Structures are given as C-alpha cells and as structure tokens.
PDB file of N, CA and C in Angstrom:
ATOM      1  N   MET A   1     -82.135 110.298  93.047  1.00  0.00           N
ATOM      2  CA  MET A   1     -81.738 111.677  93.332  1.00  0.00           C
ATOM      3  C   MET A   1     -82.144 111.998  94.759  1.00  0.00           C
ATOM      4  N   ASP A   2     -81.232 112.503  95.531  1.00  0.00           N
ATOM      5  CA  ASP A   2     -81.549 112.812  96.907  1.00  0.00           C
ATOM      6  C   ASP A   2     -81.795 114.309  97.087  1.00  0.00           C
ATOM      7  N   ALA A   3     -82.411 114.654  98.184  1.00  0.00           N
ATOM      8  CA  ALA A   3     -82.751 116.051  98.473  1.00  0.00           C
ATOM      9  C   ALA A   3     -81.502 116.894  98.719  1.00  0.00           C
ATOM     10  N   LYS A   4     -80.437 116.261  99.187  1.00  0.00           N
ATOM     11  CA  LYS A   4     -79.198 116.990  99.453  1.00  0.00           C
ATOM     12  C   LYS A   4     -78.633 117.591  98.165  1.00  0.00           C
ATOM     13  N   GLY A   5     -78.643 116.826  97.088  1.00  0.00           N
ATOM     14  CA  GLY A   5     -78.150 117.307  95.799  1.00  0.00           C
ATOM     15  C   GLY A   5     -78.985 118.451  95.262  1.00  0.00           C
ATOM     16  N   ILE A   6     -80.299 118.357  95.436  1.00  0.00           N
ATOM     17  CA  ILE A   6     -81.192 119.422  94.976  1.00  0.00           C
ATOM     18  C   ILE A   6     -80.972 120.678  95.807  1.00  0.00           C
ATOM     19  N   ASP A   7     -80.837 120.515  97.111  1.00  0.00           N
ATOM     20  CA  ASP A   7     -80.577 121.669  97.977  1.00  0.00           C
ATOM     21  C   ASP A   7     -79.253 122.332  97.630  1.00  0.00           C
ATOM     22  N   GLN A   8     -78.250 121.536  97.321  1.00  0.00           N
ATOM     23  CA  GLN A   8     -76.940 122.084  96.955  1.00  0.00           C
ATOM     24  C   GLN A   8     -77.052 122.877  95.658  1.00  0.00           C
ATOM     25  N   LEU A   9     -77.771 122.353  94.673  1.00  0.00           N
ATOM     26  CA  LEU A   9     -77.952 123.056  93.407  1.00  0.00           C
ATOM     27  C   LEU A   9     -78.708 124.358  93.613  1.00  0.00           C
ATOM     28  N   LEU A  10     -79.745 124.327  94.436  1.00  0.00           N
ATOM     29  CA  LEU A  10     -80.502 125.553  94.709  1.00  0.00           C
ATOM     30  C   LEU A  10     -79.630 126.588  95.415  1.00  0.00           C
ATOM     31  N   GLY A  11     -78.793 126.145  96.331  1.00  0.00           N
ATOM     32  CA  GLY A  11     -77.885 127.061  97.018  1.00  0.00           C
ATOM     33  C   GLY A  11     -76.904 127.700  96.045  1.00  0.00           C
ATOM     34  N   GLN A  12     -76.400 126.906  95.105  1.00  0.00           N
ATOM     35  CA  GLN A  12     -75.483 127.437  94.104  1.00  0.00           C
ATOM     36  C   GLN A  12     -76.184 128.452  93.207  1.00  0.00           C
ATOM     37  N   MET A  13     -77.420 128.159  92.841  1.00  0.00           N
ATOM     38  CA  MET A  13     -78.166 129.083  91.985  1.00  0.00           C
ATOM     39  C   MET A  13     -78.457 130.389  92.719  1.00  0.00           C
ATOM     40  N   ARG A  14     -78.785 130.298  94.012  1.00  0.00           N
ATOM     41  CA  ARG A  14     -79.031 131.519  94.790  1.00  0.00           C
ATOM     42  C   ARG A  14     -77.758 132.352  94.911  1.00  0.00           C
ATOM     43  N   ALA A  15     -76.638 131.691  95.138  1.00  0.00           N
ATOM     44  CA  ALA A  15     -75.359 132.405  95.252  1.00  0.00           C
ATOM     45  C   ALA A  15     -75.004 133.082  93.930  1.00  0.00           C
ATOM     46  N   ALA A  16     -75.224 132.389  92.817  1.00  0.00           N
ATOM     47  CA  ALA A  16     -74.940 132.985  91.511  1.00  0.00           C
ATOM     48  C   ALA A  16     -75.873 134.158  91.244  1.00  0.00           C
ATOM     49  N   SER A  17     -77.118 134.026  91.657  1.00  0.00           N
ATOM     50  CA  SER A  17     -78.077 135.114  91.470  1.00  0.00           C
ATOM     51  C   SER A  17     -77.688 136.338  92.287  1.00  0.00           C
ATOM     52  N   GLN A  18     -77.289 136.118  93.533  1.00  0.00           N
ATOM     53  CA  GLN A  18     -76.872 137.237  94.372  1.00  0.00           C
ATOM     54  C   GLN A  18     -75.613 137.880  93.833  1.00  0.00           C
ATOM     55  N   LEU A  19     -74.702 137.065  93.310  1.00  0.00           N
ATOM     56  CA  LEU A  19     -73.475 137.602  92.735  1.00  0.00           C
ATOM     57  C   LEU A  19     -73.783 138.444  91.499  1.00  0.00           C
ATOM     58  N   ALA A  20     -74.710 137.977  90.683  1.00  0.00           N
ATOM     59  CA  ALA A  20     -75.057 138.705  89.464  1.00  0.00           C
ATOM     60  C   ALA A  20     -75.763 140.022  89.765  1.00  0.00           C
ATOM     61  N   THR A  21     -76.510 140.069  90.861  1.00  0.00           N
ATOM     62  CA  THR A  21     -77.219 141.301  91.201  1.00  0.00           C
ATOM     63  C   THR A  21     -76.413 142.203  92.121  1.00  0.00           C
ATOM     64  N   GLY A  22     -75.202 141.797  92.455  1.00  0.00           N
ATOM     65  CA  GLY A  22     -74.336 142.631  93.286  1.00  0.00           C
ATOM     66  C   GLY A  22     -74.490 142.389  94.770  1.00  0.00           C
ATOM     67  N   GLY A  23     -75.235 141.372  95.162  1.00  0.00           N
ATOM     68  CA  GLY A  23     -75.414 141.060  96.581  1.00  0.00           C
ATOM     69  C   GLY A  23     -74.251 140.251  97.110  1.00  0.00           C
ATOM     70  N   GLN A  24     -74.265 139.985  98.372  1.00  0.00           N
ATOM     71  CA  GLN A  24     -73.229 139.181  98.999  1.00  0.00           C
ATOM     72  C   GLN A  24     -73.662 137.730  98.943  1.00  0.00           C
ATOM     73  N   GLY A  25     -73.127 136.959  98.014  1.00  0.00           N
ATOM     74  CA  GLY A  25     -73.471 135.552  97.870  1.00  0.00           C
ATOM     75  C   GLY A  25     -72.603 134.693  98.760  1.00  0.00           C
ATOM     76  N   THR A  26     -73.041 133.481  99.003  1.00  0.00           N
ATOM     77  CA  THR A  26     -72.219 132.552  99.762  1.00  0.00           C
ATOM     78  C   THR A  26     -71.187 131.962  98.820  1.00  0.00           C
ATOM     79  N   GLN A  27     -70.026 131.661  99.349  1.00  0.00           N
ATOM     80  CA  GLN A  27     -68.953 131.149  98.522  1.00  0.00           C
ATOM     81  C   GLN A  27     -69.001 129.631  98.507  1.00  0.00           C
ATOM     82  N   PRO A  28     -68.874 129.030  97.314  1.00  0.00           N
ATOM     83  CA  PRO A  28     -68.788 127.578  97.270  1.00  0.00           C
ATOM     84  C   PRO A  28     -67.433 127.120  97.795  1.00  0.00           C
ATOM     85  N   ALA A  29     -67.347 125.828  98.085  1.00  0.00           N
ATOM     86  CA  ALA A  29     -66.089 125.291  98.595  1.00  0.00           C
ATOM     87  C   ALA A  29     -65.000 125.511  97.570  1.00  0.00           C
ATOM     88  N   GLY A  30     -63.844 125.945  98.027  1.00  0.00           N
ATOM     89  CA  GLY A  30     -62.727 126.184  97.134  1.00  0.00           C
ATOM     90  C   GLY A  30     -62.520 127.651  96.823  1.00  0.00           C
ATOM     91  N   ALA A  31     -63.443 128.528  97.204  1.00  0.00           N
ATOM     92  CA  ALA A  31     -63.290 129.959  96.952  1.00  0.00           C
ATOM     93  C   ALA A  31     -62.836 130.611  98.244  1.00  0.00           C
ATOM     94  N   GLU A  32     -61.528 130.745  98.398  1.00  0.00           N
ATOM     95  CA  GLU A  32     -60.981 131.285  99.631  1.00  0.00           C
ATOM     96  C   GLU A  32     -60.716 132.771  99.490  1.00  0.00           C
ATOM     97  N   GLY A  33     -60.939 133.517 100.537  1.00  0.00           N
ATOM     98  CA  GLY A  33     -60.617 134.926 100.544  1.00  0.00           C
ATOM     99  C   GLY A  33     -61.527 135.791  99.706  1.00  0.00           C
ATOM    100  N   GLY A  34     -62.597 135.253  99.198  1.00  0.00           N
ATOM    101  CA  GLY A  34     -63.508 136.043  98.400  1.00  0.00           C
ATOM    102  C   GLY A  34     -62.958 136.408  97.037  1.00  0.00           C
ATOM    103  N   GLU A  35     -61.956 135.723  96.565  1.00  0.00           N
ATOM    104  CA  GLU A  35     -61.388 136.020  95.271  1.00  0.00           C
ATOM    105  C   GLU A  35     -62.353 135.615  94.172  1.00  0.00           C
ATOM    106  N   PHE A  36     -62.586 136.546  93.254  1.00  0.00           N
ATOM    107  CA  PHE A  36     -63.538 136.291  92.187  1.00  0.00           C
ATOM    108  C   PHE A  36     -63.072 135.153  91.288  1.00  0.00           C
ATOM    109  N   ALA A  37     -61.775 135.108  90.994  1.00  0.00           N
ATOM    110  CA  ALA A  37     -61.255 134.057  90.123  1.00  0.00           C
ATOM    111  C   ALA A  37     -61.475 132.676  90.740  1.00  0.00           C
ATOM    112  N   ALA A  38     -61.275 132.560  92.039  1.00  0.00           N
ATOM    113  CA  ALA A  38     -61.477 131.278  92.709  1.00  0.00           C
ATOM    114  C   ALA A  38     -62.947 130.889  92.705  1.00  0.00           C
ATOM    115  N   LEU A  39     -63.812 131.864  92.901  1.00  0.00           N
ATOM    116  CA  LEU A  39     -65.252 131.614  92.869  1.00  0.00           C
ATOM    117  C   LEU A  39     -65.681 131.148  91.487  1.00  0.00           C
ATOM    118  N   LEU A  40     -65.182 131.822  90.460  1.00  0.00           N
ATOM    119  CA  LEU A  40     -65.530 131.459  89.091  1.00  0.00           C
ATOM    120  C   LEU A  40     -65.003 130.070  88.742  1.00  0.00           C
ATOM    121  N   LYS A  41     -63.779 129.779  89.149  1.00  0.00           N
ATOM    122  CA  LYS A  41     -63.185 128.471  88.873  1.00  0.00           C
ATOM    123  C   LYS A  41     -63.970 127.360  89.569  1.00  0.00           C
ATOM    124  N   ALA A  42     -64.339 127.575  90.824  1.00  0.00           N
ATOM    125  CA  ALA A  42     -65.114 126.569  91.562  1.00  0.00           C
ATOM    126  C   ALA A  42     -66.473 126.343  90.906  1.00  0.00           C
ATOM    127  N   SER A  43     -67.092 127.405  90.443  1.00  0.00           N
ATOM    128  CA  SER A  43     -68.385 127.273  89.775  1.00  0.00           C
ATOM    129  C   SER A  43     -68.254 126.493  88.470  1.00  0.00           C
ATOM    130  N   LEU A  44     -67.215 126.791  87.705  1.00  0.00           N
ATOM    131  CA  LEU A  44     -66.990 126.059  86.452  1.00  0.00           C
ATOM    132  C   LEU A  44     -66.726 124.579  86.711  1.00  0.00           C
ATOM    133  N   GLU A  45     -65.988 124.292  87.760  1.00  0.00           N
ATOM    134  CA  GLU A  45     -65.716 122.891  88.097  1.00  0.00           C
ATOM    135  C   GLU A  45     -66.993 122.160  88.500  1.00  0.00           C
ATOM    136  N   GLN A  46     -67.880 122.847  89.229  1.00  0.00           N
ATOM    137  CA  GLN A  46     -69.139 122.227  89.621  1.00  0.00           C
ATOM    138  C   GLN A  46     -70.024 121.951  88.408  1.00  0.00           C
ATOM    139  N   VAL A  47     -70.034 122.880  87.451  1.00  0.00           N
ATOM    140  CA  VAL A  47     -70.799 122.674  86.219  1.00  0.00           C
ATOM    141  C   VAL A  47     -70.228 121.480  85.462  1.00  0.00           C
ATOM    142  N   SER A  48     -68.916 121.416  85.368  1.00  0.00           N
ATOM    143  CA  SER A  48     -68.267 120.307  84.673  1.00  0.00           C
ATOM    144  C   SER A  48     -68.574 118.975  85.348  1.00  0.00           C
ATOM    145  N   GLN A  49     -68.547 118.957  86.678  1.00  0.00           N
ATOM    146  CA  GLN A  49     -68.850 117.723  87.413  1.00  0.00           C
ATOM    147  C   GLN A  49     -70.288 117.279  87.188  1.00  0.00           C
ATOM    148  N   SER A  50     -71.223 118.226  87.173  1.00  0.00           N
ATOM    149  CA  SER A  50     -72.625 117.848  86.973  1.00  0.00           C
ATOM    150  C   SER A  50     -72.838 117.320  85.558  1.00  0.00           C
ATOM    151  N   GLN A  51     -72.140 117.877  84.571  1.00  0.00           N
ATOM    152  CA  GLN A  51     -72.257 117.375  83.204  1.00  0.00           C
ATOM    153  C   GLN A  51     -71.636 115.989  83.071  1.00  0.00           C
ATOM    154  N   THR A  52     -70.511 115.784  83.727  1.00  0.00           N
ATOM    155  CA  THR A  52     -69.855 114.481  83.694  1.00  0.00           C
ATOM    156  C   THR A  52     -70.731 113.418  84.362  1.00  0.00           C
ATOM    157  N   GLU A  53     -71.314 113.774  85.489  1.00  0.00           N
ATOM    158  CA  GLU A  53     -72.189 112.835  86.201  1.00  0.00           C
ATOM    159  C   GLU A  53     -73.422 112.500  85.363  1.00  0.00           C
ATOM    160  N   ALA A  54     -74.007 113.486  84.719  1.00  0.00           N
ATOM    161  CA  ALA A  54     -75.181 113.249  83.879  1.00  0.00           C
ATOM    162  C   ALA A  54     -74.824 112.333  82.713  1.00  0.00           C
ATOM    163  N   GLN A  55     -73.680 112.550  82.113  1.00  0.00           N
ATOM    164  CA  GLN A  55     -73.238 111.707  81.007  1.00  0.00           C
ATOM    165  C   GLN A  55     -72.979 110.282  81.483  1.00  0.00           C
ATOM    166  N   ARG A  56     -72.376 110.149  82.656  1.00  0.00           N
ATOM    167  CA  ARG A  56     -72.102 108.816  83.200  1.00  0.00           C
ATOM    168  C   ARG A  56     -73.398 108.059  83.467  1.00  0.00           C
ATOM    169  N   LEU A  57     -74.381 108.734  84.064  1.00  0.00           N
ATOM    170  CA  LEU A  57     -75.666 108.088  84.333  1.00  0.00           C
ATOM    171  C   LEU A  57     -76.389 107.709  83.046  1.00  0.00           C
ATOM    172  N   ALA A  58     -76.329 108.590  82.036  1.00  0.00           N
ATOM    173  CA  ALA A  58     -76.990 108.294  80.766  1.00  0.00           C
ATOM    174  C   ALA A  58     -76.356 107.074  80.102  1.00  0.00           C
ATOM    175  N   GLN A  59     -75.033 106.974  80.133  1.00  0.00           N
ATOM    176  CA  GLN A  59     -74.360 105.812  79.548  1.00  0.00           C
ATOM    177  C   GLN A  59     -74.686 104.539  80.315  1.00  0.00           C
ATOM    178  N   ALA A  60     -74.742 104.649  81.630  1.00  0.00           N
ATOM    179  CA  ALA A  60     -75.086 103.467  82.442  1.00  0.00           C
ATOM    180  C   ALA A  60     -76.498 103.007  82.135  1.00  0.00           C
ATOM    181  N   PHE A  61     -77.418 103.946  81.969  1.00  0.00           N
ATOM    182  CA  PHE A  61     -78.803 103.589  81.641  1.00  0.00           C
ATOM    183  C   PHE A  61     -78.882 102.939  80.266  1.00  0.00           C
ATOM    184  N   GLU A  62     -78.138 103.499  79.302  1.00  0.00           N
ATOM    185  CA  GLU A  62     -78.133 102.936  77.949  1.00  0.00           C
ATOM    186  C   GLU A  62     -77.573 101.522  77.930  1.00  0.00           C
ATOM    187  N   GLN A  63     -76.627 101.233  78.815  1.00  0.00           N
ATOM    188  CA  GLN A  63     -76.026  99.907  78.867  1.00  0.00           C
ATOM    189  C   GLN A  63     -76.859  98.931  79.697  1.00  0.00           C
ATOM    190  N   GLY A  64     -77.941  99.425  80.280  1.00  0.00           N
ATOM    191  CA  GLY A  64     -78.846  98.552  81.010  1.00  0.00           C
ATOM    192  C   GLY A  64     -78.467  98.291  82.448  1.00  0.00           C
ATOM    193  N   ALA A  65     -77.786  99.206  83.076  1.00  0.00           N
ATOM    194  CA  ALA A  65     -77.423  99.032  84.488  1.00  0.00           C
ATOM    195  C   ALA A  65     -78.702  98.935  85.317  1.00  0.00           C
ATOM    196  N   PRO A  66     -78.797  97.940  86.189  1.00  0.00           N
ATOM    197  CA  PRO A  66     -80.044  97.731  86.934  1.00  0.00           C
ATOM    198  C   PRO A  66     -80.315  98.778  88.017  1.00  0.00           C
ATOM    199  N   ASN A  67     -79.299  99.475  88.488  1.00  0.00           N
ATOM    200  CA  ASN A  67     -79.497 100.414  89.588  1.00  0.00           C
ATOM    201  C   ASN A  67     -79.660 101.858  89.122  1.00  0.00           C
ATOM    202  N   VAL A  68     -79.813 102.083  87.804  1.00  0.00           N
ATOM    203  CA  VAL A  68     -79.984 103.436  87.265  1.00  0.00           C
ATOM    204  C   VAL A  68     -81.365 103.536  86.651  1.00  0.00           C
ATOM    205  N   SER A  69     -82.170 104.453  87.190  1.00  0.00           N
ATOM    206  CA  SER A  69     -83.519 104.620  86.661  1.00  0.00           C
ATOM    207  C   SER A  69     -83.576 105.779  85.679  1.00  0.00           C
ATOM    208  N   LEU A  70     -84.585 105.771  84.848  1.00  0.00           N
ATOM    209  CA  LEU A  70     -84.772 106.840  83.875  1.00  0.00           C
ATOM    210  C   LEU A  70     -84.981 108.181  84.571  1.00  0.00           C
ATOM    211  N   GLU A  71     -85.658 108.154  85.724  1.00  0.00           N
ATOM    212  CA  GLU A  71     -85.893 109.393  86.475  1.00  0.00           C
ATOM    213  C   GLU A  71     -84.583 110.026  86.934  1.00  0.00           C
ATOM    214  N   ASP A  72     -83.660 109.191  87.429  1.00  0.00           N
ATOM    215  CA  ASP A  72     -82.354 109.704  87.859  1.00  0.00           C
ATOM    216  C   ASP A  72     -81.587 110.312  86.694  1.00  0.00           C
ATOM    217  N   VAL A  73     -81.660 109.654  85.549  1.00  0.00           N
ATOM    218  CA  VAL A  73     -80.960 110.158  84.366  1.00  0.00           C
ATOM    219  C   VAL A  73     -81.545 111.502  83.945  1.00  0.00           C
ATOM    220  N   MET A  74     -82.868 111.595  83.884  1.00  0.00           N
ATOM    221  CA  MET A  74     -83.508 112.841  83.446  1.00  0.00           C
ATOM    222  C   MET A  74     -83.239 113.984  84.427  1.00  0.00           C
ATOM    223  N   ILE A  75     -83.269 113.695  85.711  1.00  0.00           N
ATOM    224  CA  ILE A  75     -83.000 114.733  86.712  1.00  0.00           C
ATOM    225  C   ILE A  75     -81.558 115.216  86.617  1.00  0.00           C
ATOM    226  N   SER A  76     -80.623 114.289  86.467  1.00  0.00           N
ATOM    227  CA  SER A  76     -79.218 114.702  86.367  1.00  0.00           C
ATOM    228  C   SER A  76     -78.967 115.488  85.084  1.00  0.00           C
ATOM    229  N   LEU A  77     -79.620 115.116  83.991  1.00  0.00           N
ATOM    230  CA  LEU A  77     -79.479 115.878  82.751  1.00  0.00           C
ATOM    231  C   LEU A  77     -80.048 117.282  82.895  1.00  0.00           C
ATOM    232  N   GLN A  78     -81.188 117.414  83.571  1.00  0.00           N
ATOM    233  CA  GLN A  78     -81.776 118.731  83.779  1.00  0.00           C
ATOM    234  C   GLN A  78     -80.920 119.585  84.698  1.00  0.00           C
ATOM    235  N   LYS A  79     -80.355 118.972  85.748  1.00  0.00           N
ATOM    236  CA  LYS A  79     -79.456 119.712  86.637  1.00  0.00           C
ATOM    237  C   LYS A  79     -78.248 120.233  85.869  1.00  0.00           C
ATOM    238  N   ALA A  80     -77.677 119.380  85.033  1.00  0.00           N
ATOM    239  CA  ALA A  80     -76.521 119.791  84.237  1.00  0.00           C
ATOM    240  C   ALA A  80     -76.894 120.921  83.280  1.00  0.00           C
ATOM    241  N   ASP A  81     -78.071 120.831  82.682  1.00  0.00           N
ATOM    242  CA  ASP A  81     -78.514 121.871  81.757  1.00  0.00           C
ATOM    243  C   ASP A  81     -78.750 123.200  82.479  1.00  0.00           C
ATOM    244  N   VAL A  82     -79.392 123.141  83.630  1.00  0.00           N
ATOM    245  CA  VAL A  82     -79.657 124.367  84.388  1.00  0.00           C
ATOM    246  C   VAL A  82     -78.350 125.011  84.845  1.00  0.00           C
ATOM    247  N   SER A  83     -77.419 124.207  85.326  1.00  0.00           N
ATOM    248  CA  SER A  83     -76.149 124.774  85.777  1.00  0.00           C
ATOM    249  C   SER A  83     -75.361 125.349  84.606  1.00  0.00           C
ATOM    250  N   PHE A  84     -75.422 124.690  83.443  1.00  0.00           N
ATOM    251  CA  PHE A  84     -74.732 125.219  82.272  1.00  0.00           C
ATOM    252  C   PHE A  84     -75.370 126.527  81.813  1.00  0.00           C
ATOM    253  N   GLN A  85     -76.688 126.579  81.770  1.00  0.00           N
ATOM    254  CA  GLN A  85     -77.376 127.807  81.356  1.00  0.00           C
ATOM    255  C   GLN A  85     -77.088 128.954  82.331  1.00  0.00           C
ATOM    256  N   THR A  86     -76.968 128.636  83.614  1.00  0.00           N
ATOM    257  CA  THR A  86     -76.622 129.659  84.602  1.00  0.00           C
ATOM    258  C   THR A  86     -75.227 130.209  84.322  1.00  0.00           C
ATOM    259  N   MET A  87     -74.282 129.327  84.017  1.00  0.00           N
ATOM    260  CA  MET A  87     -72.927 129.792  83.710  1.00  0.00           C
ATOM    261  C   MET A  87     -72.891 130.608  82.424  1.00  0.00           C
ATOM    262  N   VAL A  88     -73.708 130.256  81.454  1.00  0.00           N
ATOM    263  CA  VAL A  88     -73.777 131.041  80.224  1.00  0.00           C
ATOM    264  C   VAL A  88     -74.278 132.449  80.538  1.00  0.00           C
ATOM    265  N   GLN A  89     -75.284 132.557  81.395  1.00  0.00           N
ATOM    266  CA  GLN A  89     -75.813 133.872  81.761  1.00  0.00           C
ATOM    267  C   GLN A  89     -74.780 134.687  82.542  1.00  0.00           C
ATOM    268  N   VAL A  90     -74.024 134.033  83.414  1.00  0.00           N
ATOM    269  CA  VAL A  90     -72.962 134.725  84.151  1.00  0.00           C
ATOM    270  C   VAL A  90     -71.911 135.224  83.169  1.00  0.00           C
ATOM    271  N   ARG A  91     -71.546 134.377  82.223  1.00  0.00           N
ATOM    272  CA  ARG A  91     -70.576 134.798  81.209  1.00  0.00           C
ATOM    273  C   ARG A  91     -71.091 135.999  80.422  1.00  0.00           C
ATOM    274  N   ASN A  92     -72.369 135.957  80.035  1.00  0.00           N
ATOM    275  CA  ASN A  92     -72.954 137.075  79.293  1.00  0.00           C
ATOM    276  C   ASN A  92     -72.907 138.364  80.100  1.00  0.00           C
ATOM    277  N   LYS A  93     -73.187 138.275  81.389  1.00  0.00           N
ATOM    278  CA  LYS A  93     -73.137 139.466  82.246  1.00  0.00           C
ATOM    279  C   LYS A  93     -71.701 139.985  82.376  1.00  0.00           C
ATOM    280  N   LEU A  94     -70.736 139.072  82.471  1.00  0.00           N
ATOM    281  CA  LEU A  94     -69.340 139.485  82.554  1.00  0.00           C
ATOM    282  C   LEU A  94     -68.891 140.187  81.270  1.00  0.00           C
ATOM    283  N   VAL A  95     -69.287 139.646  80.129  1.00  0.00           N
ATOM    284  CA  VAL A  95     -68.934 140.274  78.855  1.00  0.00           C
ATOM    285  C   VAL A  95     -69.593 141.645  78.745  1.00  0.00           C
ATOM    286  N   GLU A  96     -70.849 141.726  79.160  1.00  0.00           N
ATOM    287  CA  GLU A  96     -71.561 143.005  79.129  1.00  0.00           C
ATOM    288  C   GLU A  96     -70.885 144.035  80.041  1.00  0.00           C
ATOM    289  N   ALA A  97     -70.484 143.622  81.224  1.00  0.00           N
ATOM    290  CA  ALA A  97     -69.801 144.534  82.151  1.00  0.00           C
ATOM    291  C   ALA A  97     -68.451 144.972  81.570  1.00  0.00           C
ATOM    292  N   TYR A  98     -67.729 144.041  80.963  1.00  0.00           N
ATOM    293  CA  TYR A  98     -66.449 144.376  80.339  1.00  0.00           C
ATOM    294  C   TYR A  98     -66.645 145.403  79.223  1.00  0.00           C
ATOM    295  N   GLN A  99     -67.667 145.189  78.403  1.00  0.00           N
ATOM    296  CA  GLN A  99     -67.923 146.126  77.311  1.00  0.00           C
ATOM    297  C   GLN A  99     -68.297 147.509  77.838  1.00  0.00           C
ATOM    298  N   GLN A 100     -69.067 147.565  78.904  1.00  0.00           N
ATOM    299  CA  GLN A 100     -69.428 148.854  79.485  1.00  0.00           C
ATOM    300  C   GLN A 100     -68.201 149.568  80.043  1.00  0.00           C
ATOM    301  N   ILE A 101     -67.315 148.821  80.676  1.00  0.00           N
ATOM    302  CA  ILE A 101     -66.084 149.411  81.216  1.00  0.00           C
ATOM    303  C   ILE A 101     -65.216 149.944  80.088  1.00  0.00           C
ATOM    304  N   MET A 102     -65.117 149.185  79.006  1.00  0.00           N
ATOM    305  CA  MET A 102     -64.285 149.607  77.887  1.00  0.00           C
ATOM    306  C   MET A 102     -64.859 150.833  77.178  1.00  0.00           C
ATOM    307  N   ASN A 103     -66.159 151.059  77.286  1.00  0.00           N
ATOM    308  CA  ASN A 103     -66.785 152.204  76.639  1.00  0.00           C
ATOM    309  C   ASN A 103     -66.800 153.453  77.511  1.00  0.00           C
ATOM    310  N   LEU A 104     -66.284 153.362  78.731  1.00  0.00           N
ATOM    311  CA  LEU A 104     -66.253 154.515  79.615  1.00  0.00           C
ATOM    312  C   LEU A 104     -65.299 155.583  79.079  1.00  0.00           C
ATOM    313  N   GLN A 105     -65.716 156.827  79.192  1.00  0.00           N
ATOM    314  CA  GLN A 105     -64.858 157.934  78.795  1.00  0.00           C
ATOM    315  C   GLN A 105     -63.882 158.213  79.934  1.00  0.00           C
ATOM    316  N   VAL A 106     -62.606 158.268  79.618  1.00  0.00           N
ATOM    317  CA  VAL A 106     -61.596 158.515  80.658  1.00  0.00           C
ATOM    318  C   VAL A 106     -61.173 159.967  80.639  1.00  0.00           C
TER     319      VAL A 106
END
C-alpha cells in the first residue's frame, strides 16, 4: 500500500465530509460543472473500484500469489469498508433531507 492511495482516500473522505456539512468540497475526477449527480456517480464508482480491488487482492492472497501480502489485503479491505460506510452515511443524509423536504408545509 502506498502513501498516494491513502492520501487519495483521505481527500475523498474530507470532500464527502465537507459536502455533508454544506461546505465547498473538492470535486473528484469526473464531476464536471459541480453537478451533484456527477459527483455522486463518481463517488459510487470509486467505492465500487475499491471493493473490486480489495476482492481481487483477497483472492490473489488465497491462491498464494507471492507478491500479495496479508497487510496489503487487510488495508485494502479496510479502505473498501470505510468508503462503503461513508457512502451509506451520505445516502442516509440524502434520505433524511428528502424526508424533511417532503414534510415541509407549502
């Protein structure tokens, strides 16, 4: 696991945190024009990629690949879990905001 991957994950988490609190977050690659749908889609794709990578590393380790260490597998699994839990929290906030909007008196 390299420091670049960890820094990228931390940057994504900070951007998601700022977005959830209403701050101006940085946009991940693929989110053009500040469109929320593009930002959400890019975030979902990144979560999917991290889960796929973690699964690939775990299978390689199980098959005895010599260049895959247990530490790399555990770190990638934790990264995938953290990114998934972050997306679950974002989804929960979106559902909560939708419910509040629907309960507004017009």
